[in-house]
Each structure stands twice: as structure tokens, then as C-alpha cells.
Amino acid sequence: MSEERFEWEGPDELLPVVTDALERVVDPEVALNIVDVGLVYLVTVQDKRLDVHVTMTSAACPVADVIVSDIETELDRALPEDMLIHVELVWEPPWTPQRMSDKARLFMGW
């Protein structure tokens, strides 16, 4: 599992499962996973509900719907069938390159 790149509020045993699922979601504009890009802000798990707050690098992102759908698909595959998954697109705080992992910065040449 990679370093923690987003805020987590939930059972410790689900963190690696959720992180692995989110790392399988690639932002097609930069060819990196959304965790390394820093698009995932918060994941909460309460009872049988998982909420994910994600952002995009730009409010004009043409692939936002695709990324949200991919998040839902990967989490649905990884989690128990009775888990309700809710993905919310948020814009505050705005995304900045400082949210990127070292691996992503190196890949981007920053």
C-alpha cells in the first residue's frame, strides 16, 4: 500500500482495500492514478456507507464523469455487496500540484 494521501475516517482494515481500489483509477489526462495525483480528499466509512470526496485538477475537466464512474466501479468490485458507495465531486479546497505524490511529480517532471 502507498503512503497515506487522503484523509481516512473508517475501520483500519478497510483502508488498504479502499486505497488499492482508488489506485486502480487512472486520470486519463495525466496517465497517473487519482491517489498519486492528489484528487482524493476524504474517505469516510460509517455503517454500510462509504463516502468519497474527490476533486479534479480543473473545474473544466472533460473526464470528470469518467473518473467518478471508474471510482464507483473499482470500489464496488472491492467492497462487500451491501456497502453503499457515494462519490462526491468537491471544489474546496482547490486542487494544487502540492497534493501530488513524489512519484507523480517525478513522472510529470516537476
PDB file of N, CA and C in Angstrom:
ATOM      1  N   MET A   1       0.844  -1.185   0.000  1.00  0.00           N
ATOM      2  CA  MET A   1       0.000   0.000   0.000  1.00  0.00           C
ATOM      3  C   MET A   1       0.881   1.236   0.000  1.00  0.00           C
ATOM      4  N   SER A   2       0.467   2.282  -0.645  1.00  0.00           N
ATOM      5  CA  SER A   2       1.250   3.507  -0.722  1.00  0.00           C
ATOM      6  C   SER A   2       1.061   4.337   0.541  1.00  0.00           C
ATOM      7  N   GLU A   3       1.860   5.406   0.638  1.00  0.00           N
ATOM      8  CA  GLU A   3       1.724   6.334   1.745  1.00  0.00           C
ATOM      9  C   GLU A   3       0.305   6.883   1.769  1.00  0.00           C
ATOM     10  N   GLU A   4      -0.149   7.306   2.945  1.00  0.00           N
ATOM     11  CA  GLU A   4      -1.499   7.855   3.045  1.00  0.00           C
ATOM     12  C   GLU A   4      -1.556   9.197   2.326  1.00  0.00           C
ATOM     13  N   ARG A   5      -2.435   9.308   1.355  1.00  0.00           N
ATOM     14  CA  ARG A   5      -2.515  10.513   0.523  1.00  0.00           C
ATOM     15  C   ARG A   5      -3.870  11.207   0.640  1.00  0.00           C
ATOM     16  N   PHE A   6      -4.730  10.712   1.529  1.00  0.00           N
ATOM     17  CA  PHE A   6      -6.042  11.324   1.706  1.00  0.00           C
ATOM     18  C   PHE A   6      -6.489  11.086   3.138  1.00  0.00           C
ATOM     19  N   GLU A   7      -7.452  11.885   3.573  1.00  0.00           N
ATOM     20  CA  GLU A   7      -7.974  11.739   4.927  1.00  0.00           C
ATOM     21  C   GLU A   7      -8.878  10.511   4.976  1.00  0.00           C
ATOM     22  N   TRP A   8      -8.729   9.722   6.032  1.00  0.00           N
ATOM     23  CA  TRP A   8      -9.475   8.475   6.190  1.00  0.00           C
ATOM     24  C   TRP A   8     -10.213   8.492   7.509  1.00  0.00           C
ATOM     25  N   GLU A   9     -11.503   8.192   7.458  1.00  0.00           N
ATOM     26  CA  GLU A   9     -12.313   8.022   8.658  1.00  0.00           C
ATOM     27  C   GLU A   9     -13.098   6.734   8.490  1.00  0.00           C
ATOM     28  N   GLY A  10     -12.564   5.662   9.029  1.00  0.00           N
ATOM     29  CA  GLY A  10     -13.222   4.376   8.901  1.00  0.00           C
ATOM     30  C   GLY A  10     -12.398   3.289   9.539  1.00  0.00           C
ATOM     31  N   PRO A  11     -12.870   2.053   9.451  1.00  0.00           N
ATOM     32  CA  PRO A  11     -12.146   0.925  10.042  1.00  0.00           C
ATOM     33  C   PRO A  11     -10.783   0.728   9.382  1.00  0.00           C
ATOM     34  N   ASP A  12      -9.774   0.511  10.203  1.00  0.00           N
ATOM     35  CA  ASP A  12      -8.409   0.339   9.694  1.00  0.00           C
ATOM     36  C   ASP A  12      -8.301  -0.786   8.675  1.00  0.00           C
ATOM     37  N   GLU A  13      -9.081  -1.845   8.862  1.00  0.00           N
ATOM     38  CA  GLU A  13      -8.952  -2.994   7.963  1.00  0.00           C
ATOM     39  C   GLU A  13      -9.454  -2.696   6.547  1.00  0.00           C
ATOM     40  N   LEU A  14     -10.279  -1.679   6.388  1.00  0.00           N
ATOM     41  CA  LEU A  14     -10.762  -1.325   5.047  1.00  0.00           C
ATOM     42  C   LEU A  14      -9.837  -0.359   4.312  1.00  0.00           C
ATOM     43  N   LEU A  15      -8.956   0.324   5.031  1.00  0.00           N
ATOM     44  CA  LEU A  15      -8.090   1.318   4.388  1.00  0.00           C
ATOM     45  C   LEU A  15      -7.269   0.742   3.237  1.00  0.00           C
ATOM     46  N   PRO A  16      -6.567  -0.387   3.407  1.00  0.00           N
ATOM     47  CA  PRO A  16      -5.798  -0.904   2.266  1.00  0.00           C
ATOM     48  C   PRO A  16      -6.679  -1.343   1.096  1.00  0.00           C
ATOM     49  N   VAL A  17      -7.847  -1.869   1.379  1.00  0.00           N
ATOM     50  CA  VAL A  17      -8.765  -2.305   0.319  1.00  0.00           C
ATOM     51  C   VAL A  17      -9.232  -1.101  -0.499  1.00  0.00           C
ATOM     52  N   VAL A  18      -9.635  -0.050   0.200  1.00  0.00           N
ATOM     53  CA  VAL A  18     -10.119   1.160  -0.468  1.00  0.00           C
ATOM     54  C   VAL A  18      -8.981   1.850  -1.216  1.00  0.00           C
ATOM     55  N   THR A  19      -7.816   1.950  -0.578  1.00  0.00           N
ATOM     56  CA  THR A  19      -6.673   2.596  -1.229  1.00  0.00           C
ATOM     57  C   THR A  19      -6.294   1.862  -2.506  1.00  0.00           C
ATOM     58  N   ASP A  20      -6.223   0.543  -2.445  1.00  0.00           N
ATOM     59  CA  ASP A  20      -5.886  -0.240  -3.638  1.00  0.00           C
ATOM     60  C   ASP A  20      -6.903  -0.012  -4.755  1.00  0.00           C
ATOM     61  N   ALA A  21      -8.191   0.021  -4.394  1.00  0.00           N
ATOM     62  CA  ALA A  21      -9.232   0.252  -5.404  1.00  0.00           C
ATOM     63  C   ALA A  21      -9.081   1.633  -6.033  1.00  0.00           C
ATOM     64  N   LEU A  22      -8.847   2.646  -5.211  1.00  0.00           N
ATOM     65  CA  LEU A  22      -8.693   4.006  -5.735  1.00  0.00           C
ATOM     66  C   LEU A  22      -7.436   4.145  -6.582  1.00  0.00           C
ATOM     67  N   GLU A  23      -6.393   3.408  -6.233  1.00  0.00           N
ATOM     68  CA  GLU A  23      -5.156   3.462  -7.021  1.00  0.00           C
ATOM     69  C   GLU A  23      -5.308   2.800  -8.390  1.00  0.00           C
ATOM     70  N   ARG A  24      -6.367   2.034  -8.587  1.00  0.00           N
ATOM     71  CA  ARG A  24      -6.637   1.441  -9.905  1.00  0.00           C
ATOM     72  C   ARG A  24      -7.363   2.418 -10.839  1.00  0.00           C
ATOM     73  N   VAL A  25      -7.803   3.547 -10.295  1.00  0.00           N
ATOM     74  CA  VAL A  25      -8.494   4.558 -11.102  1.00  0.00           C
ATOM     75  C   VAL A  25      -7.455   5.537 -11.637  1.00  0.00           C
ATOM     76  N   VAL A  26      -7.393   5.644 -12.952  1.00  0.00           N
ATOM     77  CA  VAL A  26      -6.384   6.480 -13.610  1.00  0.00           C
ATOM     78  C   VAL A  26      -7.039   7.738 -14.176  1.00  0.00           C
ATOM     79  N   ASP A  27      -6.399   8.871 -13.932  1.00  0.00           N
ATOM     80  CA  ASP A  27      -6.808  10.116 -14.583  1.00  0.00           C
ATOM     81  C   ASP A  27      -6.246  10.053 -16.000  1.00  0.00           C
ATOM     82  N   PRO A  28      -7.098   9.868 -17.009  1.00  0.00           N
ATOM     83  CA  PRO A  28      -6.591   9.668 -18.370  1.00  0.00           C
ATOM     84  C   PRO A  28      -5.849  10.874 -18.940  1.00  0.00           C
ATOM     85  N   GLU A  29      -6.050  12.043 -18.371  1.00  0.00           N
ATOM     86  CA  GLU A  29      -5.346  13.228 -18.885  1.00  0.00           C
ATOM     87  C   GLU A  29      -3.879  13.248 -18.484  1.00  0.00           C
ATOM     88  N   VAL A  30      -3.540  12.578 -17.382  1.00  0.00           N
ATOM     89  CA  VAL A  30      -2.139  12.582 -16.935  1.00  0.00           C
ATOM     90  C   VAL A  30      -1.542  11.180 -16.831  1.00  0.00           C
ATOM     91  N   ALA A  31      -2.349  10.153 -17.063  1.00  0.00           N
ATOM     92  CA  ALA A  31      -1.900   8.754 -17.048  1.00  0.00           C
ATOM     93  C   ALA A  31      -1.316   8.341 -15.704  1.00  0.00           C
ATOM     94  N   LEU A  32      -1.893   8.863 -14.625  1.00  0.00           N
ATOM     95  CA  LEU A  32      -1.498   8.501 -13.263  1.00  0.00           C
ATOM     96  C   LEU A  32      -2.749   8.205 -12.458  1.00  0.00           C
ATOM     97  N   ASN A  33      -2.593   7.409 -11.394  1.00  0.00           N
ATOM     98  CA  ASN A  33      -3.766   7.105 -10.582  1.00  0.00           C
ATOM     99  C   ASN A  33      -4.181   8.326  -9.764  1.00  0.00           C
ATOM    100  N   ILE A  34      -5.461   8.370  -9.410  1.00  0.00           N
ATOM    101  CA  ILE A  34      -6.033   9.545  -8.754  1.00  0.00           C
ATOM    102  C   ILE A  34      -5.499   9.771  -7.348  1.00  0.00           C
ATOM    103  N   VAL A  35      -4.991   8.728  -6.708  1.00  0.00           N
ATOM    104  CA  VAL A  35      -4.400   8.899  -5.380  1.00  0.00           C
ATOM    105  C   VAL A  35      -3.077   9.649  -5.508  1.00  0.00           C
ATOM    106  N   ASP A  36      -2.223   9.217  -6.431  1.00  0.00           N
ATOM    107  CA  ASP A  36      -0.936   9.894  -6.620  1.00  0.00           C
ATOM    108  C   ASP A  36      -1.100  11.322  -7.139  1.00  0.00           C
ATOM    109  N   VAL A  37      -2.132  11.564  -7.933  1.00  0.00           N
ATOM    110  CA  VAL A  37      -2.376  12.914  -8.438  1.00  0.00           C
ATOM    111  C   VAL A  37      -2.901  13.822  -7.319  1.00  0.00           C
ATOM    112  N   GLY A  38      -3.462  13.218  -6.272  1.00  0.00           N
ATOM    113  CA  GLY A  38      -3.977  14.001  -5.147  1.00  0.00           C
ATOM    114  C   GLY A  38      -5.415  14.432  -5.322  1.00  0.00           C
ATOM    115  N   LEU A  39      -6.173  13.676  -6.106  1.00  0.00           N
ATOM    116  CA  LEU A  39      -7.568  14.029  -6.352  1.00  0.00           C
ATOM    117  C   LEU A  39      -8.504  13.558  -5.245  1.00  0.00           C
ATOM    118  N   VAL A  40      -8.083  12.597  -4.434  1.00  0.00           N
ATOM    119  CA  VAL A  40      -8.920  12.072  -3.355  1.00  0.00           C
ATOM    120  C   VAL A  40      -8.650  12.899  -2.102  1.00  0.00           C
ATOM    121  N   TYR A  41      -9.691  13.524  -1.565  1.00  0.00           N
ATOM    122  CA  TYR A  41      -9.541  14.352  -0.371  1.00  0.00           C
ATOM    123  C   TYR A  41      -9.908  13.604   0.903  1.00  0.00           C
ATOM    124  N   LEU A  42     -11.039  12.915   0.884  1.00  0.00           N
ATOM    125  CA  LEU A  42     -11.572  12.323   2.106  1.00  0.00           C
ATOM    126  C   LEU A  42     -12.351  11.061   1.767  1.00  0.00           C
ATOM    127  N   VAL A  43     -12.160  10.031   2.587  1.00  0.00           N
ATOM    128  CA  VAL A  43     -12.976   8.825   2.500  1.00  0.00           C
ATOM    129  C   VAL A  43     -13.494   8.544   3.903  1.00  0.00           C
ATOM    130  N   THR A  44     -14.812   8.389   4.020  1.00  0.00           N
ATOM    131  CA  THR A  44     -15.410   8.037   5.303  1.00  0.00           C
ATOM    132  C   THR A  44     -16.236   6.772   5.139  1.00  0.00           C
ATOM    133  N   VAL A  45     -16.179   5.936   6.159  1.00  0.00           N
ATOM    134  CA  VAL A  45     -16.995   4.725   6.192  1.00  0.00           C
ATOM    135  C   VAL A  45     -17.758   4.742   7.502  1.00  0.00           C
ATOM    136  N   GLN A  46     -19.073   4.670   7.385  1.00  0.00           N
ATOM    137  CA  GLN A  46     -19.916   4.599   8.570  1.00  0.00           C
ATOM    138  C   GLN A  46     -21.012   3.589   8.292  1.00  0.00           C
ATOM    139  N   ASP A  47     -21.095   2.609   9.172  1.00  0.00           N
ATOM    140  CA  ASP A  47     -22.028   1.505   8.992  1.00  0.00           C
ATOM    141  C   ASP A  47     -21.766   0.851   7.636  1.00  0.00           C
ATOM    142  N   LYS A  48     -22.730   0.858   6.762  1.00  0.00           N
ATOM    143  CA  LYS A  48     -22.575   0.228   5.443  1.00  0.00           C
ATOM    144  C   LYS A  48     -22.535   1.270   4.329  1.00  0.00           C
ATOM    145  N   ARG A  49     -22.011   2.454   4.647  1.00  0.00           N
ATOM    146  CA  ARG A  49     -21.934   3.535   3.659  1.00  0.00           C
ATOM    147  C   ARG A  49     -20.499   4.044   3.577  1.00  0.00           C
ATOM    148  N   LEU A  50     -20.003   4.172   2.339  1.00  0.00           N
ATOM    149  CA  LEU A  50     -18.681   4.721   2.087  1.00  0.00           C
ATOM    150  C   LEU A  50     -18.851   5.983   1.245  1.00  0.00           C
ATOM    151  N   ASP A  51     -18.306   7.081   1.737  1.00  0.00           N
ATOM    152  CA  ASP A  51     -18.353   8.356   1.022  1.00  0.00           C
ATOM    153  C   ASP A  51     -16.948   8.746   0.607  1.00  0.00           C
ATOM    154  N   VAL A  52     -16.814   9.183  -0.629  1.00  0.00           N
ATOM    155  CA  VAL A  52     -15.528   9.627  -1.157  1.00  0.00           C
ATOM    156  C   VAL A  52     -15.692  11.055  -1.663  1.00  0.00           C
ATOM    157  N   HIS A  53     -14.825  11.945  -1.187  1.00  0.00           N
ATOM    158  CA  HIS A  53     -14.777  13.309  -1.711  1.00  0.00           C
ATOM    159  C   HIS A  53     -13.563  13.404  -2.613  1.00  0.00           C
ATOM    160  N   VAL A  54     -13.815  13.718  -3.870  1.00  0.00           N
ATOM    161  CA  VAL A  54     -12.736  13.858  -4.851  1.00  0.00           C
ATOM    162  C   VAL A  54     -12.866  15.201  -5.550  1.00  0.00           C
ATOM    163  N   THR A  55     -11.769  15.617  -6.136  1.00  0.00           N
ATOM    164  CA  THR A  55     -11.763  16.835  -6.926  1.00  0.00           C
ATOM    165  C   THR A  55     -11.133  16.525  -8.272  1.00  0.00           C
ATOM    166  N   MET A  56     -11.061  17.502  -9.111  1.00  0.00           N
ATOM    167  CA  MET A  56     -10.375  17.390 -10.392  1.00  0.00           C
ATOM    168  C   MET A  56      -9.307  18.480 -10.430  1.00  0.00           C
ATOM    169  N   THR A  57      -8.373  18.346 -11.338  1.00  0.00           N
ATOM    170  CA  THR A  57      -7.322  19.354 -11.440  1.00  0.00           C
ATOM    171  C   THR A  57      -7.869  20.673 -11.971  1.00  0.00           C
ATOM    172  N   SER A  58      -9.041  20.622 -12.605  1.00  0.00           N
ATOM    173  CA  SER A  58      -9.673  21.822 -13.153  1.00  0.00           C
ATOM    174  C   SER A  58     -11.182  21.621 -13.156  1.00  0.00           C
ATOM    175  N   ALA A  59     -11.915  22.693 -12.900  1.00  0.00           N
ATOM    176  CA  ALA A  59     -13.377  22.612 -12.950  1.00  0.00           C
ATOM    177  C   ALA A  59     -13.869  22.298 -14.359  1.00  0.00           C
ATOM    178  N   ALA A  60     -13.031  22.527 -15.350  1.00  0.00           N
ATOM    179  CA  ALA A  60     -13.388  22.251 -16.742  1.00  0.00           C
ATOM    180  C   ALA A  60     -12.925  20.866 -17.192  1.00  0.00           C
ATOM    181  N   CYS A  61     -12.589  20.003 -16.253  1.00  0.00           N
ATOM    182  CA  CYS A  61     -12.076  18.672 -16.588  1.00  0.00           C
ATOM    183  C   CYS A  61     -13.083  17.909 -17.453  1.00  0.00           C
ATOM    184  N   PRO A  62     -12.700  17.530 -18.672  1.00  0.00           N
ATOM    185  CA  PRO A  62     -13.634  16.855 -19.566  1.00  0.00           C
ATOM    186  C   PRO A  62     -13.875  15.388 -19.210  1.00  0.00           C
ATOM    187  N   VAL A  63     -13.079  14.829 -18.308  1.00  0.00           N
ATOM    188  CA  VAL A  63     -13.223  13.406 -17.977  1.00  0.00           C
ATOM    189  C   VAL A  63     -13.707  13.188 -16.544  1.00  0.00           C
ATOM    190  N   ALA A  64     -14.244  14.221 -15.908  1.00  0.00           N
ATOM    191  CA  ALA A  64     -14.703  14.098 -14.519  1.00  0.00           C
ATOM    192  C   ALA A  64     -15.725  12.974 -14.367  1.00  0.00           C
ATOM    193  N   ASP A  65     -16.697  12.891 -15.261  1.00  0.00           N
ATOM    194  CA  ASP A  65     -17.726  11.850 -15.169  1.00  0.00           C
ATOM    195  C   ASP A  65     -17.123  10.456 -15.297  1.00  0.00           C
ATOM    196  N   VAL A  66     -16.138  10.317 -16.160  1.00  0.00           N
ATOM    197  CA  VAL A  66     -15.466   9.026 -16.348  1.00  0.00           C
ATOM    198  C   VAL A  66     -14.726   8.631 -15.075  1.00  0.00           C
ATOM    199  N   ILE A  67     -14.014   9.574 -14.478  1.00  0.00           N
ATOM    200  CA  ILE A  67     -13.262   9.282 -13.256  1.00  0.00           C
ATOM    201  C   ILE A  67     -14.207   8.897 -12.125  1.00  0.00           C
ATOM    202  N   VAL A  68     -15.290   9.639 -11.946  1.00  0.00           N
ATOM    203  CA  VAL A  68     -16.264   9.317 -10.897  1.00  0.00           C
ATOM    204  C   VAL A  68     -16.847   7.925 -11.133  1.00  0.00           C
ATOM    205  N   SER A  69     -17.204   7.613 -12.357  1.00  0.00           N
ATOM    206  CA  SER A  69     -17.735   6.287 -12.685  1.00  0.00           C
ATOM    207  C   SER A  69     -16.709   5.192 -12.406  1.00  0.00           C
ATOM    208  N   ASP A  70     -15.456   5.438 -12.760  1.00  0.00           N
ATOM    209  CA  ASP A  70     -14.399   4.456 -12.504  1.00  0.00           C
ATOM    210  C   ASP A  70     -14.188   4.241 -11.006  1.00  0.00           C
ATOM    211  N   ILE A  71     -14.283   5.305 -10.218  1.00  0.00           N
ATOM    212  CA  ILE A  71     -14.173   5.176  -8.758  1.00  0.00           C
ATOM    213  C   ILE A  71     -15.277   4.264  -8.243  1.00  0.00           C
ATOM    214  N   GLU A  72     -16.505   4.528  -8.665  1.00  0.00           N
ATOM    215  CA  GLU A  72     -17.640   3.708  -8.232  1.00  0.00           C
ATOM    216  C   GLU A  72     -17.446   2.251  -8.628  1.00  0.00           C
ATOM    217  N   THR A  73     -16.995   2.015  -9.846  1.00  0.00           N
ATOM    218  CA  THR A  73     -16.787   0.651 -10.337  1.00  0.00           C
ATOM    219  C   THR A  73     -15.731  -0.081  -9.523  1.00  0.00           C
ATOM    220  N   GLU A  74     -14.585   0.552  -9.306  1.00  0.00           N
ATOM    221  CA  GLU A  74     -13.496  -0.109  -8.576  1.00  0.00           C
ATOM    222  C   GLU A  74     -13.861  -0.364  -7.119  1.00  0.00           C
ATOM    223  N   LEU A  75     -14.526   0.591  -6.477  1.00  0.00           N
ATOM    224  CA  LEU A  75     -14.936   0.378  -5.090  1.00  0.00           C
ATOM    225  C   LEU A  75     -16.005  -0.702  -5.001  1.00  0.00           C
ATOM    226  N   ASP A  76     -16.928  -0.719  -5.962  1.00  0.00           N
ATOM    227  CA  ASP A  76     -17.976  -1.739  -5.984  1.00  0.00           C
ATOM    228  C   ASP A  76     -17.374  -3.137  -6.111  1.00  0.00           C
ATOM    229  N   ARG A  77     -16.320  -3.271  -6.899  1.00  0.00           N
ATOM    230  CA  ARG A  77     -15.642  -4.563  -7.066  1.00  0.00           C
ATOM    231  C   ARG A  77     -14.922  -4.994  -5.786  1.00  0.00           C
ATOM    232  N   ALA A  78     -14.389  -4.022  -5.051  1.00  0.00           N
ATOM    233  CA  ALA A  78     -13.520  -4.323  -3.912  1.00  0.00           C
ATOM    234  C   ALA A  78     -14.261  -4.502  -2.589  1.00  0.00           C
ATOM    235  N   LEU A  79     -15.428  -3.907  -2.467  1.00  0.00           N
ATOM    236  CA  LEU A  79     -16.127  -3.877  -1.182  1.00  0.00           C
ATOM    237  C   LEU A  79     -17.294  -4.858  -1.154  1.00  0.00           C
ATOM    238  N   PRO A  80     -17.777  -5.173   0.041  1.00  0.00           N
ATOM    239  CA  PRO A  80     -18.936  -6.067   0.141  1.00  0.00           C
ATOM    240  C   PRO A  80     -20.135  -5.514  -0.632  1.00  0.00           C
ATOM    241  N   GLU A  81     -20.952  -6.429  -1.124  1.00  0.00           N
ATOM    242  CA  GLU A  81     -22.107  -6.056  -1.952  1.00  0.00           C
ATOM    243  C   GLU A  81     -23.074  -5.114  -1.255  1.00  0.00           C
ATOM    244  N   ASP A  82     -23.170  -5.218   0.069  1.00  0.00           N
ATOM    245  CA  ASP A  82     -24.146  -4.396   0.785  1.00  0.00           C
ATOM    246  C   ASP A  82     -23.616  -3.009   1.161  1.00  0.00           C
ATOM    247  N   MET A  83     -22.413  -2.669   0.710  1.00  0.00           N
ATOM    248  CA  MET A  83     -21.838  -1.353   1.000  1.00  0.00           C
ATOM    249  C   MET A  83     -22.381  -0.329   0.006  1.00  0.00           C
ATOM    250  N   LEU A  84     -22.983   0.731   0.510  1.00  0.00           N
ATOM    251  CA  LEU A  84     -23.469   1.829  -0.321  1.00  0.00           C
ATOM    252  C   LEU A  84     -22.296   2.765  -0.587  1.00  0.00           C
ATOM    253  N   ILE A  85     -22.038   3.060  -1.851  1.00  0.00           N
ATOM    254  CA  ILE A  85     -20.900   3.890  -2.242  1.00  0.00           C
ATOM    255  C   ILE A  85     -21.421   5.205  -2.800  1.00  0.00           C
ATOM    256  N   HIS A  86     -20.897   6.292  -2.264  1.00  0.00           N
ATOM    257  CA  HIS A  86     -21.289   7.625  -2.722  1.00  0.00           C
ATOM    258  C   HIS A  86     -20.027   8.425  -3.018  1.00  0.00           C
ATOM    259  N   VAL A  87     -19.909   8.907  -4.245  1.00  0.00           N
ATOM    260  CA  VAL A  87     -18.759   9.712  -4.656  1.00  0.00           C
ATOM    261  C   VAL A  87     -19.245  11.132  -4.890  1.00  0.00           C
ATOM    262  N   GLU A  88     -18.606  12.075  -4.201  1.00  0.00           N
ATOM    263  CA  GLU A  88     -18.977  13.483  -4.336  1.00  0.00           C
ATOM    264  C   GLU A  88     -17.811  14.272  -4.909  1.00  0.00           C
ATOM    265  N   LEU A  89     -18.100  15.024  -5.943  1.00  0.00           N
ATOM    266  CA  LEU A  89     -17.109  15.900  -6.558  1.00  0.00           C
ATOM    267  C   LEU A  89     -17.117  17.222  -5.796  1.00  0.00           C
ATOM    268  N   VAL A  90     -15.961  17.609  -5.250  1.00  0.00           N
ATOM    269  CA  VAL A  90     -15.857  18.835  -4.456  1.00  0.00           C
ATOM    270  C   VAL A  90     -14.815  19.763  -5.077  1.00  0.00           C
ATOM    271  N   TRP A  91     -14.949  21.042  -4.798  1.00  0.00           N
ATOM    272  CA  TRP A  91     -14.030  22.031  -5.377  1.00  0.00           C
ATOM    273  C   TRP A  91     -13.270  22.830  -4.326  1.00  0.00           C
ATOM    274  N   GLU A  92     -13.576  22.602  -3.064  1.00  0.00           N
ATOM    275  CA  GLU A  92     -12.870  23.279  -1.972  1.00  0.00           C
ATOM    276  C   GLU A  92     -12.234  22.239  -1.068  1.00  0.00           C
ATOM    277  N   PRO A  93     -10.984  22.382  -0.760  1.00  0.00           N
ATOM    278  CA  PRO A  93     -10.066  23.383  -1.295  1.00  0.00           C
ATOM    279  C   PRO A  93      -9.710  23.040  -2.740  1.00  0.00           C
ATOM    280  N   PRO A  94      -9.329  24.046  -3.521  1.00  0.00           N
ATOM    281  CA  PRO A  94      -8.938  23.775  -4.903  1.00  0.00           C
ATOM    282  C   PRO A  94      -7.716  22.859  -4.955  1.00  0.00           C
ATOM    283  N   TRP A  95      -7.667  22.034  -5.980  1.00  0.00           N
ATOM    284  CA  TRP A  95      -6.505  21.158  -6.176  1.00  0.00           C
ATOM    285  C   TRP A  95      -5.290  22.008  -6.519  1.00  0.00           C
ATOM    286  N   THR A  96      -4.136  21.597  -5.996  1.00  0.00           N
ATOM    287  CA  THR A  96      -2.858  22.220  -6.353  1.00  0.00           C
ATOM    288  C   THR A  96      -1.842  21.108  -6.589  1.00  0.00           C
ATOM    289  N   PRO A  97      -0.781  21.370  -7.335  1.00  0.00           N
ATOM    290  CA  PRO A  97       0.241  20.347  -7.577  1.00  0.00           C
ATOM    291  C   PRO A  97       0.918  19.841  -6.299  1.00  0.00           C
ATOM    292  N   GLN A  98       0.840  20.602  -5.217  1.00  0.00           N
ATOM    293  CA  GLN A  98       1.434  20.156  -3.958  1.00  0.00           C
ATOM    294  C   GLN A  98       0.749  18.905  -3.414  1.00  0.00           C
ATOM    295  N   ARG A  99      -0.449  18.611  -3.887  1.00  0.00           N
ATOM    296  CA  ARG A  99      -1.164  17.406  -3.444  1.00  0.00           C
ATOM    297  C   ARG A  99      -0.607  16.136  -4.097  1.00  0.00           C
ATOM    298  N   MET A 100       0.180  16.295  -5.134  1.00  0.00           N
ATOM    299  CA  MET A 100       0.715  15.142  -5.855  1.00  0.00           C
ATOM    300  C   MET A 100       1.771  14.424  -5.021  1.00  0.00           C
ATOM    301  N   SER A 101       1.835  13.118  -5.194  1.00  0.00           N
ATOM    302  CA  SER A 101       2.885  12.329  -4.547  1.00  0.00           C
ATOM    303  C   SER A 101       4.226  12.622  -5.219  1.00  0.00           C
ATOM    304  N   ASP A 102       5.297  12.248  -4.548  1.00  0.00           N
ATOM    305  CA  ASP A 102       6.628  12.404  -5.145  1.00  0.00           C
ATOM    306  C   ASP A 102       6.723  11.643  -6.461  1.00  0.00           C
ATOM    307  N   LYS A 103       6.123  10.456  -6.489  1.00  0.00           N
ATOM    308  CA  LYS A 103       6.121   9.633  -7.706  1.00  0.00           C
ATOM    309  C   LYS A 103       5.448  10.379  -8.862  1.00  0.00           C
ATOM    310  N   ALA A 104       4.319  11.025  -8.581  1.00  0.00           N
ATOM    311  CA  ALA A 104       3.592  11.758  -9.619  1.00  0.00           C
ATOM    312  C   ALA A 104       4.378  12.981 -10.082  1.00  0.00           C
ATOM    313  N   ARG A 105       4.997  13.682  -9.144  1.00  0.00           N
ATOM    314  CA  ARG A 105       5.801  14.858  -9.516  1.00  0.00           C
ATOM    315  C   ARG A 105       6.970  14.450 -10.409  1.00  0.00           C
ATOM    316  N   LEU A 106       7.604  13.343 -10.057  1.00  0.00           N
ATOM    317  CA  LEU A 106       8.724  12.846 -10.853  1.00  0.00           C
ATOM    318  C   LEU A 106       8.251  12.484 -12.260  1.00  0.00           C
ATOM    319  N   PHE A 107       7.113  11.780 -12.340  1.00  0.00           N
ATOM    320  CA  PHE A 107       6.545  11.387 -13.624  1.00  0.00           C
ATOM    321  C   PHE A 107       6.238  12.612 -14.487  1.00  0.00           C
ATOM    322  N   MET A 108       5.724  13.674 -13.853  1.00  0.00           N
ATOM    323  CA  MET A 108       5.350  14.892 -14.572  1.00  0.00           C
ATOM    324  C   MET A 108       6.548  15.800 -14.840  1.00  0.00           C
ATOM    325  N   GLY A 109       7.686  15.476 -14.239  1.00  0.00           N
ATOM    326  CA  GLY A 109       8.874  16.296 -14.433  1.00  0.00           C
ATOM    327  C   GLY A 109       8.865  17.575 -13.624  1.00  0.00           C
ATOM    328  N   TRP A 110       8.155  17.552 -12.475  1.00  0.00           N
ATOM    329  CA  TRP A 110       8.062  18.745 -11.626  1.00  0.00           C
ATOM    330  C   TRP A 110       8.979  18.622 -10.442  1.00  0.00           C
TER     331      TRP A 110
END
